[in-house]
Amino acid sequence: MPKVPGINQLAAIRALEKAGFHIRLQGKHVVMTDGTRIVTIPRHNPDNAITMGTNVRGAGHTNEEFRKLLSLAVCIAHKTDFRDVTSTKRQVQTGHSGNRQRHTT
């Protein structure tokens, strides 16, 4: 079984939109289509790893392709350059960017 763990449903929707899918119906699940394929994404955070893996396969992508789409979707959502993703992850892990000035009174 293909597994894609720890994916937020909004990030998955953005990634599938990058792949050419659009939202067809919304409710407790989001139904997306590209005209030939239909993918149903549950509104859970994070989505079940096996469910997301099945959705990725149903969309016609491999796990690696989907992860690349996810990273592109996250960059566009945050308006960052794709090459800056590693430095952004480092900033989040450490809690600062390293070049912040300290406020003194």
Protein backbone atom coordinates (compact mmCIF):
# COMPACT_ATOMS: atom_id res chain seq x y z
CA MET A 1 0.00 0.00 0.00
CA PRO A 2 1.33 3.46 -0.84
CA LYS A 3 1.68 5.79 2.13
CA VAL A 4 2.03 9.56 2.29
CA PRO A 5 2.01 10.45 6.01
CA GLY A 6 1.34 13.74 7.79
CA ILE A 7 -0.28 15.74 5.00
CA ASN A 8 -2.63 18.60 5.84
CA GLN A 9 -5.77 18.48 3.69
CA LEU A 10 -5.35 22.12 2.58
CA ALA A 11 -1.79 21.42 1.43
CA ALA A 12 -3.03 18.37 -0.48
CA ILE A 13 -5.71 20.48 -2.17
CA ARG A 14 -3.14 23.12 -3.19
CA ALA A 15 -0.81 20.43 -4.55
CA LEU A 16 -3.58 18.83 -6.61
CA GLU A 17 -4.57 22.27 -7.93
CA LYS A 18 -0.96 22.63 -9.11
CA ALA A 19 -1.37 19.29 -10.89
CA GLY A 20 -4.40 20.60 -12.83
CA PHE A 21 -7.24 19.46 -10.57
CA HIS A 22 -10.07 21.76 -9.50
CA ILE A 23 -12.62 21.51 -6.71
CA ARG A 24 -15.89 19.99 -7.86
CA LEU A 25 -17.76 19.60 -4.53
CA GLN A 26 -17.11 20.54 -0.91
CA GLY A 27 -18.59 19.23 2.29
CA LYS A 28 -17.17 16.77 4.80
CA HIS A 29 -14.96 15.68 1.90
CA VAL A 30 -13.48 17.70 -0.97
CA VAL A 31 -14.05 16.18 -4.40
CA MET A 32 -11.52 17.27 -7.02
CA THR A 33 -11.32 16.41 -10.70
CA ASP A 34 -9.10 17.08 -13.68
CA GLY A 35 -11.77 16.10 -16.19
CA THR A 36 -10.86 12.41 -16.32
CA ARG A 37 -9.93 11.45 -12.74
CA ILE A 38 -11.86 12.09 -9.53
CA VAL A 39 -10.11 12.32 -6.15
CA THR A 40 -11.92 12.56 -2.80
CA ILE A 41 -9.99 14.18 0.06
CA PRO A 42 -11.38 13.90 3.61
CA ARG A 43 -11.23 16.96 5.82
CA HIS A 44 -8.96 15.49 8.50
CA ASN A 45 -5.74 16.99 9.74
CA PRO A 46 -3.50 15.23 9.10
CA ASP A 47 -5.03 12.88 6.58
CA ASN A 48 -4.53 9.13 7.01
CA ALA A 49 -1.28 8.07 5.31
CA ILE A 50 -2.86 5.18 3.41
CA THR A 51 -5.81 7.34 2.28
CA MET A 52 -3.47 10.05 0.97
CA GLY A 53 -1.31 7.45 -0.76
CA THR A 54 -4.38 6.04 -2.47
CA ASN A 55 -5.49 9.54 -3.50
CA VAL A 56 -2.04 10.28 -4.94
CA ARG A 57 -2.17 7.06 -6.95
CA GLY A 58 -5.73 7.85 -8.06
CA ALA A 59 -4.56 11.26 -9.27
CA GLY A 60 -1.97 9.54 -11.45
CA HIS A 61 1.15 10.56 -9.51
CA THR A 62 3.87 8.80 -7.59
CA ASN A 63 4.64 9.68 -3.97
CA GLU A 64 7.79 11.54 -5.05
CA GLU A 65 5.93 13.60 -7.65
CA PHE A 66 3.26 14.48 -5.10
CA ARG A 67 5.84 15.55 -2.52
CA LYS A 68 7.40 17.84 -5.14
CA LEU A 69 3.95 19.32 -5.86
CA LEU A 70 3.45 19.77 -2.10
CA SER A 71 6.70 21.68 -1.73
CA LEU A 72 5.79 23.89 -4.70
CA ALA A 73 2.31 24.51 -3.29
CA VAL A 74 3.74 25.46 0.10
CA CYS A 75 6.24 27.85 -1.52
CA ILE A 76 3.51 29.57 -3.51
CA ALA A 77 1.18 29.76 -0.50
CA HIS A 78 3.91 31.48 1.50
CA LYS A 79 5.26 33.39 -1.55
CA THR A 80 8.79 32.06 -1.15
CA ASP A 81 11.32 30.85 -3.64
CA PHE A 82 11.49 27.07 -4.05
CA ARG A 83 15.23 27.12 -3.29
CA ASP A 84 14.54 28.80 0.08
CA VAL A 85 12.45 25.90 1.43
CA THR A 86 15.39 24.33 3.27
CA SER A 87 16.35 27.61 4.93
CA THR A 88 12.70 28.22 5.88
CA LYS A 89 12.48 24.79 7.48
CA ARG A 90 15.68 25.54 9.39
CA GLN A 91 14.22 28.85 10.64
CA VAL A 92 11.07 27.14 11.85
CA GLN A 93 13.05 24.47 13.68
CA THR A 94 15.34 26.95 15.44
CA GLY A 95 12.67 29.58 16.01
CA HIS A 96 14.52 32.46 14.38
CA SER A 97 16.25 33.46 11.18
CA GLY A 98 19.55 34.27 12.82
CA ASN A 99 19.71 37.89 11.64
CA ARG A 100 17.08 39.44 13.85
CA GLN A 101 18.05 42.48 15.89
CA ARG A 102 17.34 42.46 19.58
CA HIS A 103 15.13 45.28 20.85
CA THR A 104 16.76 47.22 23.66
CA THR A 105 15.09 49.81 25.84
